[in-house]
Amino acid sequence: MLSVAKLYFEKNGNENRHAFHDVGAATSLLAIQATSLGLFIHQMAGFDVPGARELYNIPEGYEPVAAIAVGYPGDPKALPEQYQQRQFSPRQRKSIETFVFTGSWGQTSPVVKY
C-alpha cells in the first residue's frame, strides 16, 4: 500500500502543514491494528515517488509519503544470508539524550539523565 498526504485543506485551500504528521499518526494506528491481527507492517521511504504518482494517478496537492508492506511474518531462516545477518543483529538506536531537549536545541533534558 501507499500512504499519501493531502497538502491543502478542501474547505479553504490553505496549506495543511500537519499533513505528514497526520499520515504518520494514521500509520502508527495501522501498525497497532495490524499487530492485533497478527500482521506486520514495514514502511519504506525508498520507493519511486514519481513512478507511484504516475501509476496511481495521484493529483497535485497530494504527496506520496511511504510504501507500506503488510503481511504475515515468514521464516527468517528462509532469507538470503545477508538479510539473515541484518535480521538477527542487535538493533542500534540513537541515545535519547541526542534528541530530547529542554530549554534550547541541543541542551539534553534532565528527564532523560538517569
PDB file of N, CA and C in Angstrom:
ATOM      1  N   MET A   1       0.840  -1.159   0.000  1.00  0.00           N
ATOM      2  CA  MET A   1       0.000   0.000   0.000  1.00  0.00           C
ATOM      3  C   MET A   1       0.887   1.223   0.000  1.00  0.00           C
ATOM      4  N   LEU A   2       0.248   2.375  -0.203  1.00  0.00           N
ATOM      5  CA  LEU A   2       0.975   3.634  -0.278  1.00  0.00           C
ATOM      6  C   LEU A   2       0.278   4.645   0.615  1.00  0.00           C
ATOM      7  N   SER A   3       1.016   5.282   1.512  1.00  0.00           N
ATOM      8  CA  SER A   3       0.427   6.374   2.292  1.00  0.00           C
ATOM      9  C   SER A   3       0.624   7.671   1.514  1.00  0.00           C
ATOM     10  N   VAL A   4      -0.377   8.540   1.604  1.00  0.00           N
ATOM     11  CA  VAL A   4      -0.380   9.785   0.836  1.00  0.00           C
ATOM     12  C   VAL A   4      -0.852  10.924   1.736  1.00  0.00           C
ATOM     13  N   ALA A   5      -0.153  12.049   1.684  1.00  0.00           N
ATOM     14  CA  ALA A   5      -0.532  13.240   2.457  1.00  0.00           C
ATOM     15  C   ALA A   5      -1.296  14.203   1.566  1.00  0.00           C
ATOM     16  N   LYS A   6      -2.392  14.737   2.108  1.00  0.00           N
ATOM     17  CA  LYS A   6      -3.161  15.782   1.421  1.00  0.00           C
ATOM     18  C   LYS A   6      -2.606  17.117   1.899  1.00  0.00           C
ATOM     19  N   LEU A   7      -2.009  17.882   0.991  1.00  0.00           N
ATOM     20  CA  LEU A   7      -1.226  19.050   1.359  1.00  0.00           C
ATOM     21  C   LEU A   7      -2.039  20.311   1.629  1.00  0.00           C
ATOM     22  N   TYR A   8      -3.292  20.345   1.183  1.00  0.00           N
ATOM     23  CA  TYR A   8      -4.133  21.533   1.346  1.00  0.00           C
ATOM     24  C   TYR A   8      -5.517  21.137   1.843  1.00  0.00           C
ATOM     25  N   PHE A   9      -6.109  22.012   2.656  1.00  0.00           N
ATOM     26  CA  PHE A   9      -7.454  21.769   3.148  1.00  0.00           C
ATOM     27  C   PHE A   9      -8.478  22.043   2.044  1.00  0.00           C
ATOM     28  N   GLU A  10      -9.460  21.158   1.926  1.00  0.00           N
ATOM     29  CA  GLU A  10     -10.508  21.317   0.925  1.00  0.00           C
ATOM     30  C   GLU A  10     -11.354  22.551   1.177  1.00  0.00           C
ATOM     31  N   LYS A  11     -11.708  22.791   2.443  1.00  0.00           N
ATOM     32  CA  LYS A  11     -12.672  23.850   2.765  1.00  0.00           C
ATOM     33  C   LYS A  11     -12.186  25.256   2.437  1.00  0.00           C
ATOM     34  N   ASN A  12     -10.848  25.466   2.497  1.00  0.00           N
ATOM     35  CA  ASN A  12     -10.357  26.831   2.269  1.00  0.00           C
ATOM     36  C   ASN A  12      -9.091  26.907   1.409  1.00  0.00           C
ATOM     37  N   GLY A  13      -8.532  25.781   1.034  1.00  0.00           N
ATOM     38  CA  GLY A  13      -7.338  25.769   0.194  1.00  0.00           C
ATOM     39  C   GLY A  13      -6.051  26.112   0.916  1.00  0.00           C
ATOM     40  N   ASN A  14      -6.121  26.316   2.230  1.00  0.00           N
ATOM     41  CA  ASN A  14      -4.916  26.626   2.999  1.00  0.00           C
ATOM     42  C   ASN A  14      -4.008  25.406   3.105  1.00  0.00           C
ATOM     43  N   GLU A  15      -2.714  25.687   3.238  1.00  0.00           N
ATOM     44  CA  GLU A  15      -1.728  24.614   3.399  1.00  0.00           C
ATOM     45  C   GLU A  15      -1.997  23.834   4.684  1.00  0.00           C
ATOM     46  N   ASN A  16      -1.950  22.514   4.578  1.00  0.00           N
ATOM     47  CA  ASN A  16      -2.053  21.651   5.755  1.00  0.00           C
ATOM     48  C   ASN A  16      -0.638  21.320   6.196  1.00  0.00           C
ATOM     49  N   ARG A  17      -0.084  22.139   7.065  1.00  0.00           N
ATOM     50  CA  ARG A  17       1.307  21.933   7.464  1.00  0.00           C
ATOM     51  C   ARG A  17       1.491  20.733   8.381  1.00  0.00           C
ATOM     52  N   HIS A  18       0.396  20.092   8.768  1.00  0.00           N
ATOM     53  CA  HIS A  18       0.457  18.908   9.611  1.00  0.00           C
ATOM     54  C   HIS A  18       0.187  17.625   8.822  1.00  0.00           C
ATOM     55  N   ALA A  19       0.143  17.729   7.514  1.00  0.00           N
ATOM     56  CA  ALA A  19      -0.235  16.582   6.680  1.00  0.00           C
ATOM     57  C   ALA A  19       0.667  15.367   6.919  1.00  0.00           C
ATOM     58  N   PHE A  20       1.960  15.567   6.998  1.00  0.00           N
ATOM     59  CA  PHE A  20       2.874  14.442   7.176  1.00  0.00           C
ATOM     60  C   PHE A  20       2.764  13.868   8.589  1.00  0.00           C
ATOM     61  N   HIS A  21       2.528  14.725   9.560  1.00  0.00           N
ATOM     62  CA  HIS A  21       2.282  14.253  10.921  1.00  0.00           C
ATOM     63  C   HIS A  21       1.028  13.382  10.938  1.00  0.00           C
ATOM     64  N   ASP A  22      -0.024  13.839  10.281  1.00  0.00           N
ATOM     65  CA  ASP A  22      -1.280  13.091  10.245  1.00  0.00           C
ATOM     66  C   ASP A  22      -1.098  11.724   9.596  1.00  0.00           C
ATOM     67  N   VAL A  23      -0.319  11.678   8.524  1.00  0.00           N
ATOM     68  CA  VAL A  23      -0.049  10.398   7.866  1.00  0.00           C
ATOM     69  C   VAL A  23       0.724   9.472   8.803  1.00  0.00           C
ATOM     70  N   GLY A  24       1.696  10.015   9.523  1.00  0.00           N
ATOM     71  CA  GLY A  24       2.460   9.213  10.476  1.00  0.00           C
ATOM     72  C   GLY A  24       1.584   8.681  11.599  1.00  0.00           C
ATOM     73  N   ALA A  25       0.692   9.532  12.103  1.00  0.00           N
ATOM     74  CA  ALA A  25      -0.213   9.088  13.172  1.00  0.00           C
ATOM     75  C   ALA A  25      -1.130   7.982  12.664  1.00  0.00           C
ATOM     76  N   ALA A  26      -1.657   8.144  11.463  1.00  0.00           N
ATOM     77  CA  ALA A  26      -2.532   7.115  10.894  1.00  0.00           C
ATOM     78  C   ALA A  26      -1.776   5.806  10.684  1.00  0.00           C
ATOM     79  N   THR A  27      -0.530   5.912  10.244  1.00  0.00           N
ATOM     80  CA  THR A  27       0.264   4.709  10.019  1.00  0.00           C
ATOM     81  C   THR A  27       0.598   4.020  11.337  1.00  0.00           C
ATOM     82  N   SER A  28       0.803   4.790  12.388  1.00  0.00           N
ATOM     83  CA  SER A  28       1.025   4.190  13.710  1.00  0.00           C
ATOM     84  C   SER A  28      -0.188   3.374  14.141  1.00  0.00           C
ATOM     85  N   LEU A  29      -1.364   3.921  13.914  1.00  0.00           N
ATOM     86  CA  LEU A  29      -2.586   3.186  14.269  1.00  0.00           C
ATOM     87  C   LEU A  29      -2.757   1.952  13.385  1.00  0.00           C
ATOM     88  N   LEU A  30      -2.360   2.062  12.120  1.00  0.00           N
ATOM     89  CA  LEU A  30      -2.378   0.893  11.229  1.00  0.00           C
ATOM     90  C   LEU A  30      -1.475  -0.196  11.789  1.00  0.00           C
ATOM     91  N   ALA A  31      -0.294   0.185  12.271  1.00  0.00           N
ATOM     92  CA  ALA A  31       0.645  -0.789  12.838  1.00  0.00           C
ATOM     93  C   ALA A  31       0.061  -1.465  14.066  1.00  0.00           C
ATOM     94  N   ILE A  32      -0.609  -0.699  14.913  1.00  0.00           N
ATOM     95  CA  ILE A  32      -1.222  -1.277  16.113  1.00  0.00           C
ATOM     96  C   ILE A  32      -2.324  -2.254  15.727  1.00  0.00           C
ATOM     97  N   GLN A  33      -3.189  -1.844  14.792  1.00  0.00           N
ATOM     98  CA  GLN A  33      -4.275  -2.730  14.361  1.00  0.00           C
ATOM     99  C   GLN A  33      -3.719  -3.981  13.689  1.00  0.00           C
ATOM    100  N   ALA A  34      -2.721  -3.813  12.829  1.00  0.00           N
ATOM    101  CA  ALA A  34      -2.116  -4.964  12.155  1.00  0.00           C
ATOM    102  C   ALA A  34      -1.551  -5.944  13.175  1.00  0.00           C
ATOM    103  N   THR A  35      -0.841  -5.433  14.160  1.00  0.00           N
ATOM    104  CA  THR A  35      -0.262  -6.282  15.198  1.00  0.00           C
ATOM    105  C   THR A  35      -1.349  -7.067  15.926  1.00  0.00           C
ATOM    106  N   SER A  36      -2.467  -6.413  16.206  1.00  0.00           N
ATOM    107  CA  SER A  36      -3.556  -7.110  16.906  1.00  0.00           C
ATOM    108  C   SER A  36      -4.145  -8.236  16.062  1.00  0.00           C
ATOM    109  N   LEU A  37      -3.940  -8.162  14.747  1.00  0.00           N
ATOM    110  CA  LEU A  37      -4.429  -9.201  13.835  1.00  0.00           C
ATOM    111  C   LEU A  37      -3.349 -10.211  13.459  1.00  0.00           C
ATOM    112  N   GLY A  38      -2.168 -10.083  14.078  1.00  0.00           N
ATOM    113  CA  GLY A  38      -1.063 -10.999  13.777  1.00  0.00           C
ATOM    114  C   GLY A  38      -0.307 -10.634  12.512  1.00  0.00           C
ATOM    115  N   LEU A  39      -0.532  -9.430  12.018  1.00  0.00           N
ATOM    116  CA  LEU A  39       0.154  -8.954  10.809  1.00  0.00           C
ATOM    117  C   LEU A  39       1.318  -8.049  11.192  1.00  0.00           C
ATOM    118  N   PHE A  40       2.209  -7.848  10.264  1.00  0.00           N
ATOM    119  CA  PHE A  40       3.317  -6.919  10.431  1.00  0.00           C
ATOM    120  C   PHE A  40       3.229  -5.898   9.313  1.00  0.00           C
ATOM    121  N   ILE A  41       3.715  -4.688   9.582  1.00  0.00           N
ATOM    122  CA  ILE A  41       3.846  -3.709   8.515  1.00  0.00           C
ATOM    123  C   ILE A  41       5.298  -3.255   8.460  1.00  0.00           C
ATOM    124  N   HIS A  42       5.694  -2.838   7.286  1.00  0.00           N
ATOM    125  CA  HIS A  42       7.047  -2.306   7.102  1.00  0.00           C
ATOM    126  C   HIS A  42       6.934  -1.100   6.187  1.00  0.00           C
ATOM    127  N   GLN A  43       7.278   0.082   6.720  1.00  0.00           N
ATOM    128  CA  GLN A  43       7.227   1.301   5.932  1.00  0.00           C
ATOM    129  C   GLN A  43       8.541   1.505   5.196  1.00  0.00           C
ATOM    130  N   MET A  44       8.444   1.987   3.969  1.00  0.00           N
ATOM    131  CA  MET A  44       9.636   2.183   3.146  1.00  0.00           C
ATOM    132  C   MET A  44       9.602   3.553   2.487  1.00  0.00           C
ATOM    133  N   ALA A  45      10.631   4.333   2.750  1.00  0.00           N
ATOM    134  CA  ALA A  45      10.742   5.640   2.111  1.00  0.00           C
ATOM    135  C   ALA A  45      11.411   5.512   0.745  1.00  0.00           C
ATOM    136  N   GLY A  46      12.185   4.453   0.562  1.00  0.00           N
ATOM    137  CA  GLY A  46      12.948   4.269  -0.671  1.00  0.00           C
ATOM    138  C   GLY A  46      12.108   3.646  -1.776  1.00  0.00           C
ATOM    139  N   PHE A  47      11.190   4.423  -2.325  1.00  0.00           N
ATOM    140  CA  PHE A  47      10.400   3.946  -3.457  1.00  0.00           C
ATOM    141  C   PHE A  47      10.370   5.038  -4.518  1.00  0.00           C
ATOM    142  N   ASP A  48       9.917   4.715  -5.688  1.00  0.00           N
ATOM    143  CA  ASP A  48       9.905   5.636  -6.823  1.00  0.00           C
ATOM    144  C   ASP A  48       8.685   6.556  -6.716  1.00  0.00           C
ATOM    145  N   VAL A  49       8.877   7.732  -6.114  1.00  0.00           N
ATOM    146  CA  VAL A  49       7.767   8.661  -5.897  1.00  0.00           C
ATOM    147  C   VAL A  49       7.137   9.106  -7.222  1.00  0.00           C
ATOM    148  N   PRO A  50       7.935   9.579  -8.200  1.00  0.00           N
ATOM    149  CA  PRO A  50       7.306   9.966  -9.473  1.00  0.00           C
ATOM    150  C   PRO A  50       6.582   8.782 -10.147  1.00  0.00           C
ATOM    151  N   GLY A  51       7.185   7.589 -10.031  1.00  0.00           N
ATOM    152  CA  GLY A  51       6.548   6.400 -10.603  1.00  0.00           C
ATOM    153  C   GLY A  51       5.239   6.073  -9.921  1.00  0.00           C
ATOM    154  N   ALA A  52       5.201   6.177  -8.591  1.00  0.00           N
ATOM    155  CA  ALA A  52       3.965   5.922  -7.837  1.00  0.00           C
ATOM    156  C   ALA A  52       2.913   6.966  -8.192  1.00  0.00           C
ATOM    157  N   ARG A  53       3.344   8.213  -8.298  1.00  0.00           N
ATOM    158  CA  ARG A  53       2.415   9.294  -8.664  1.00  0.00           C
ATOM    159  C   ARG A  53       1.760   9.001 -10.018  1.00  0.00           C
ATOM    160  N   GLU A  54       2.573   8.552 -10.959  1.00  0.00           N
ATOM    161  CA  GLU A  54       2.061   8.238 -12.301  1.00  0.00           C
ATOM    162  C   GLU A  54       1.199   6.973 -12.292  1.00  0.00           C
ATOM    163  N   LEU A  55       1.688   5.906 -11.670  1.00  0.00           N
ATOM    164  CA  LEU A  55       0.980   4.632 -11.646  1.00  0.00           C
ATOM    165  C   LEU A  55      -0.408   4.749 -11.024  1.00  0.00           C
ATOM    166  N   TYR A  56      -0.494   5.499  -9.925  1.00  0.00           N
ATOM    167  CA  TYR A  56      -1.762   5.617  -9.204  1.00  0.00           C
ATOM    168  C   TYR A  56      -2.515   6.897  -9.539  1.00  0.00           C
ATOM    169  N   ASN A  57      -1.990   7.659 -10.505  1.00  0.00           N
ATOM    170  CA  ASN A  57      -2.654   8.887 -10.959  1.00  0.00           C
ATOM    171  C   ASN A  57      -2.934   9.836  -9.783  1.00  0.00           C
ATOM    172  N   ILE A  58      -1.922  10.049  -8.944  1.00  0.00           N
ATOM    173  CA  ILE A  58      -2.050  10.902  -7.762  1.00  0.00           C
ATOM    174  C   ILE A  58      -2.000  12.361  -8.220  1.00  0.00           C
ATOM    175  N   PRO A  59      -3.042  13.121  -7.916  1.00  0.00           N
ATOM    176  CA  PRO A  59      -3.106  14.503  -8.407  1.00  0.00           C
ATOM    177  C   PRO A  59      -2.205  15.455  -7.619  1.00  0.00           C
ATOM    178  N   GLU A  60      -2.025  16.654  -8.185  1.00  0.00           N
ATOM    179  CA  GLU A  60      -1.311  17.719  -7.493  1.00  0.00           C
ATOM    180  C   GLU A  60      -2.028  18.001  -6.174  1.00  0.00           C
ATOM    181  N   GLY A  61      -1.266  18.398  -5.179  1.00  0.00           N
ATOM    182  CA  GLY A  61      -1.841  18.683  -3.873  1.00  0.00           C
ATOM    183  C   GLY A  61      -1.803  17.490  -2.939  1.00  0.00           C
ATOM    184  N   TYR A  62      -1.316  16.372  -3.449  1.00  0.00           N
ATOM    185  CA  TYR A  62      -1.154  15.156  -2.653  1.00  0.00           C
ATOM    186  C   TYR A  62       0.285  14.694  -2.803  1.00  0.00           C
ATOM    187  N   GLU A  63       0.858  14.165  -1.743  1.00  0.00           N
ATOM    188  CA  GLU A  63       2.256  13.729  -1.784  1.00  0.00           C
ATOM    189  C   GLU A  63       2.393  12.297  -1.294  1.00  0.00           C
ATOM    190  N   PRO A  64       2.887  11.388  -2.155  1.00  0.00           N
ATOM    191  CA  PRO A  64       3.173  10.030  -1.681  1.00  0.00           C
ATOM    192  C   PRO A  64       4.226  10.091  -0.576  1.00  0.00           C
ATOM    193  N   VAL A  65       3.960   9.418   0.534  1.00  0.00           N
ATOM    194  CA  VAL A  65       4.840   9.506   1.698  1.00  0.00           C
ATOM    195  C   VAL A  65       5.670   8.239   1.865  1.00  0.00           C
ATOM    196  N   ALA A  66       5.016   7.078   1.904  1.00  0.00           N
ATOM    197  CA  ALA A  66       5.735   5.829   2.132  1.00  0.00           C
ATOM    198  C   ALA A  66       4.999   4.672   1.469  1.00  0.00           C
ATOM    199  N   ALA A  67       5.770   3.722   0.978  1.00  0.00           N
ATOM    200  CA  ALA A  67       5.207   2.439   0.574  1.00  0.00           C
ATOM    201  C   ALA A  67       5.138   1.599   1.841  1.00  0.00           C
ATOM    202  N   ILE A  68       4.083   0.805   1.979  1.00  0.00           N
ATOM    203  CA  ILE A  68       3.900   0.017   3.192  1.00  0.00           C
ATOM    204  C   ILE A  68       3.583  -1.420   2.809  1.00  0.00           C
ATOM    205  N   ALA A  69       4.451  -2.331   3.226  1.00  0.00           N
ATOM    206  CA  ALA A  69       4.182  -3.756   3.050  1.00  0.00           C
ATOM    207  C   ALA A  69       3.391  -4.234   4.256  1.00  0.00           C
ATOM    208  N   VAL A  70       2.360  -5.025   4.018  1.00  0.00           N
ATOM    209  CA  VAL A  70       1.537  -5.583   5.088  1.00  0.00           C
ATOM    210  C   VAL A  70       1.453  -7.081   4.858  1.00  0.00           C
ATOM    211  N   GLY A  71       1.714  -7.866   5.888  1.00  0.00           N
ATOM    212  CA  GLY A  71       1.614  -9.310   5.716  1.00  0.00           C
ATOM    213  C   GLY A  71       1.968 -10.067   6.977  1.00  0.00           C
ATOM    214  N   TYR A  72       1.903 -11.362   6.857  1.00  0.00           N
ATOM    215  CA  TYR A  72       2.261 -12.243   7.967  1.00  0.00           C
ATOM    216  C   TYR A  72       3.759 -12.497   7.920  1.00  0.00           C
ATOM    217  N   PRO A  73       4.392 -12.624   9.078  1.00  0.00           N
ATOM    218  CA  PRO A  73       5.837 -12.851   9.078  1.00  0.00           C
ATOM    219  C   PRO A  73       6.177 -14.222   8.506  1.00  0.00           C
ATOM    220  N   GLY A  74       7.280 -14.260   7.794  1.00  0.00           N
ATOM    221  CA  GLY A  74       7.777 -15.528   7.266  1.00  0.00           C
ATOM    222  C   GLY A  74       8.882 -16.071   8.163  1.00  0.00           C
ATOM    223  N   ASP A  75       9.488 -17.132   7.720  1.00  0.00           N
ATOM    224  CA  ASP A  75      10.603 -17.743   8.456  1.00  0.00           C
ATOM    225  C   ASP A  75      11.874 -16.973   8.124  1.00  0.00           C
ATOM    226  N   PRO A  76      12.480 -16.286   9.092  1.00  0.00           N
ATOM    227  CA  PRO A  76      13.679 -15.509   8.795  1.00  0.00           C
ATOM    228  C   PRO A  76      14.840 -16.365   8.288  1.00  0.00           C
ATOM    229  N   LYS A  77      14.822 -17.663   8.581  1.00  0.00           N
ATOM    230  CA  LYS A  77      15.897 -18.534   8.098  1.00  0.00           C
ATOM    231  C   LYS A  77      15.772 -18.804   6.601  1.00  0.00           C
ATOM    232  N   ALA A  78      14.643 -18.421   6.008  1.00  0.00           N
ATOM    233  CA  ALA A  78      14.464 -18.564   4.566  1.00  0.00           C
ATOM    234  C   ALA A  78      15.027 -17.368   3.799  1.00  0.00           C
ATOM    235  N   LEU A  79      15.458 -16.348   4.527  1.00  0.00           N
ATOM    236  CA  LEU A  79      16.028 -15.160   3.902  1.00  0.00           C
ATOM    237  C   LEU A  79      17.422 -15.456   3.362  1.00  0.00           C
ATOM    238  N   PRO A  80      17.873 -14.719   2.343  1.00  0.00           N
ATOM    239  CA  PRO A  80      19.274 -14.817   1.921  1.00  0.00           C
ATOM    240  C   PRO A  80      20.191 -14.443   3.091  1.00  0.00           C
ATOM    241  N   GLU A  81      21.393 -14.962   3.088  1.00  0.00           N
ATOM    242  CA  GLU A  81      22.336 -14.805   4.201  1.00  0.00           C
ATOM    243  C   GLU A  81      22.502 -13.352   4.640  1.00  0.00           C
ATOM    244  N   GLN A  82      22.670 -12.421   3.689  1.00  0.00           N
ATOM    245  CA  GLN A  82      22.901 -11.019   4.065  1.00  0.00           C
ATOM    246  C   GLN A  82      21.715 -10.446   4.839  1.00  0.00           C
ATOM    247  N   TYR A  83      20.507 -10.881   4.514  1.00  0.00           N
ATOM    248  CA  TYR A  83      19.332 -10.385   5.225  1.00  0.00           C
ATOM    249  C   TYR A  83      19.128 -11.105   6.551  1.00  0.00           C
ATOM    250  N   GLN A  84      19.569 -12.338   6.635  1.00  0.00           N
ATOM    251  CA  GLN A  84      19.522 -13.032   7.925  1.00  0.00           C
ATOM    252  C   GLN A  84      20.421 -12.324   8.928  1.00  0.00           C
ATOM    253  N   GLN A  85      21.600 -11.937   8.475  1.00  0.00           N
ATOM    254  CA  GLN A  85      22.524 -11.226   9.366  1.00  0.00           C
ATOM    255  C   GLN A  85      21.882  -9.945   9.871  1.00  0.00           C
ATOM    256  N   ARG A  86      21.235  -9.215   8.986  1.00  0.00           N
ATOM    257  CA  ARG A  86      20.572  -7.975   9.382  1.00  0.00           C
ATOM    258  C   ARG A  86      19.419  -8.263  10.347  1.00  0.00           C
ATOM    259  N   GLN A  87      18.659  -9.313  10.068  1.00  0.00           N
ATOM    260  CA  GLN A  87      17.504  -9.656  10.893  1.00  0.00           C
ATOM    261  C   GLN A  87      17.901 -10.050  12.314  1.00  0.00           C
ATOM    262  N   PHE A  88      18.990 -10.779  12.433  1.00  0.00           N
ATOM    263  CA  PHE A  88      19.379 -11.309  13.740  1.00  0.00           C
ATOM    264  C   PHE A  88      20.396 -10.446  14.479  1.00  0.00           C
ATOM    265  N   SER A  89      20.881  -9.378  13.849  1.00  0.00           N
ATOM    266  CA  SER A  89      21.845  -8.482  14.515  1.00  0.00           C
ATOM    267  C   SER A  89      21.139  -7.653  15.577  1.00  0.00           C
ATOM    268  N   PRO A  90      21.861  -7.318  16.645  1.00  0.00           N
ATOM    269  CA  PRO A  90      21.264  -6.437  17.656  1.00  0.00           C
ATOM    270  C   PRO A  90      20.921  -5.084  17.037  1.00  0.00           C
ATOM    271  N   ARG A  91      19.813  -4.524  17.452  1.00  0.00           N
ATOM    272  CA  ARG A  91      19.380  -3.217  16.948  1.00  0.00           C
ATOM    273  C   ARG A  91      20.192  -2.126  17.639  1.00  0.00           C
ATOM    274  N   GLN A  92      20.545  -1.118  16.889  1.00  0.00           N
ATOM    275  CA  GLN A  92      21.260   0.019  17.454  1.00  0.00           C
ATOM    276  C   GLN A  92      20.395   1.255  17.267  1.00  0.00           C
ATOM    277  N   ARG A  93      20.067   1.901  18.360  1.00  0.00           N
ATOM    278  CA  ARG A  93      19.233   3.099  18.345  1.00  0.00           C
ATOM    279  C   ARG A  93      20.058   4.288  18.824  1.00  0.00           C
ATOM    280  N   LYS A  94      19.671   5.468  18.372  1.00  0.00           N
ATOM    281  CA  LYS A  94      20.302   6.673  18.888  1.00  0.00           C
ATOM    282  C   LYS A  94      19.980   6.801  20.361  1.00  0.00           C
ATOM    283  N   SER A  95      20.911   7.315  21.107  1.00  0.00           N
ATOM    284  CA  SER A  95      20.692   7.580  22.514  1.00  0.00           C
ATOM    285  C   SER A  95      19.665   8.699  22.643  1.00  0.00           C
ATOM    286  N   ILE A  96      18.732   8.527  23.557  1.00  0.00           N
ATOM    287  CA  ILE A  96      17.660   9.509  23.758  1.00  0.00           C
ATOM    288  C   ILE A  96      18.212  10.889  24.111  1.00  0.00           C
ATOM    289  N   GLU A  97      19.374  10.921  24.715  1.00  0.00           N
ATOM    290  CA  GLU A  97      19.990  12.194  25.080  1.00  0.00           C
ATOM    291  C   GLU A  97      20.320  13.050  23.856  1.00  0.00           C
ATOM    292  N   THR A  98      20.410  12.418  22.684  1.00  0.00           N
ATOM    293  CA  THR A  98      20.782  13.164  21.481  1.00  0.00           C
ATOM    294  C   THR A  98      19.604  13.863  20.806  1.00  0.00           C
ATOM    295  N   PHE A  99      18.368  13.627  21.289  1.00  0.00           N
ATOM    296  CA  PHE A  99      17.226  14.269  20.635  1.00  0.00           C
ATOM    297  C   PHE A  99      16.082  14.693  21.556  1.00  0.00           C
ATOM    298  N   VAL A 100      16.235  14.544  22.860  1.00  0.00           N
ATOM    299  CA  VAL A 100      15.232  15.039  23.802  1.00  0.00           C
ATOM    300  C   VAL A 100      15.860  16.203  24.554  1.00  0.00           C
ATOM    301  N   PHE A 101      15.347  17.404  24.274  1.00  0.00           N
ATOM    302  CA  PHE A 101      15.961  18.628  24.773  1.00  0.00           C
ATOM    303  C   PHE A 101      15.014  19.413  25.673  1.00  0.00           C
ATOM    304  N   THR A 102      15.612  20.266  26.499  1.00  0.00           N
ATOM    305  CA  THR A 102      14.866  21.211  27.344  1.00  0.00           C
ATOM    306  C   THR A 102      15.530  22.574  27.209  1.00  0.00           C
ATOM    307  N   GLY A 103      14.722  23.599  27.127  1.00  0.00           N
ATOM    308  CA  GLY A 103      15.262  24.962  27.091  1.00  0.00           C
ATOM    309  C   GLY A 103      15.661  25.397  25.704  1.00  0.00           C
ATOM    310  N   SER A 104      16.666  24.758  25.139  1.00  0.00           N
ATOM    311  CA  SER A 104      17.101  25.103  23.786  1.00  0.00           C
ATOM    312  C   SER A 104      17.604  23.854  23.081  1.00  0.00           C
ATOM    313  N   TRP A 105      17.688  23.977  21.784  1.00  0.00           N
ATOM    314  CA  TRP A 105      18.139  22.862  20.953  1.00  0.00           C
ATOM    315  C   TRP A 105      19.528  22.422  21.390  1.00  0.00           C
ATOM    316  N   GLY A 106      19.691  21.105  21.573  1.00  0.00           N
ATOM    317  CA  GLY A 106      20.986  20.566  21.941  1.00  0.00           C
ATOM    318  C   GLY A 106      21.228  20.477  23.436  1.00  0.00           C
ATOM    319  N   GLN A 107      20.365  21.066  24.237  1.00  0.00           N
ATOM    320  CA  GLN A 107      20.506  21.004  25.690  1.00  0.00           C
ATOM    321  C   GLN A 107      19.696  19.803  26.185  1.00  0.00           C
ATOM    322  N   THR A 108      20.384  18.732  26.522  1.00  0.00           N
ATOM    323  CA  THR A 108      19.714  17.495  26.909  1.00  0.00           C
ATOM    324  C   THR A 108      18.820  17.719  28.118  1.00  0.00           C
ATOM    325  N   SER A 109      17.622  17.198  28.013  1.00  0.00           N
ATOM    326  CA  SER A 109      16.651  17.334  29.095  1.00  0.00           C
ATOM    327  C   SER A 109      17.074  16.534  30.312  1.00  0.00           C
ATOM    328  N   PRO A 110      16.892  17.083  31.507  1.00  0.00           N
ATOM    329  CA  PRO A 110      17.229  16.326  32.722  1.00  0.00           C
ATOM    330  C   PRO A 110      16.329  15.108  32.924  1.00  0.00           C
ATOM    331  N   VAL A 111      15.191  15.051  32.274  1.00  0.00           N
ATOM    332  CA  VAL A 111      14.303  13.895  32.471  1.00  0.00           C
ATOM    333  C   VAL A 111      14.883  12.623  31.853  1.00  0.00           C
ATOM    334  N   VAL A 112      15.858  12.758  30.953  1.00  0.00           N
ATOM    335  CA  VAL A 112      16.450  11.562  30.343  1.00  0.00           C
ATOM    336  C   VAL A 112      17.800  11.209  30.944  1.00  0.00           C
ATOM    337  N   LYS A 113      18.270  11.987  31.881  1.00  0.00           N
ATOM    338  CA  LYS A 113      19.551  11.716  32.532  1.00  0.00           C
ATOM    339  C   LYS A 113      19.295  10.908  33.790  1.00  0.00           C
ATOM    340  N   TYR A 114      19.275   9.598  33.671  1.00  0.00           N
ATOM    341  CA  TYR A 114      19.051   8.754  34.840  1.00  0.00           C
ATOM    342  C   TYR A 114      20.087   7.704  34.980  1.00  0.00           C
TER     343      TYR A 114
END
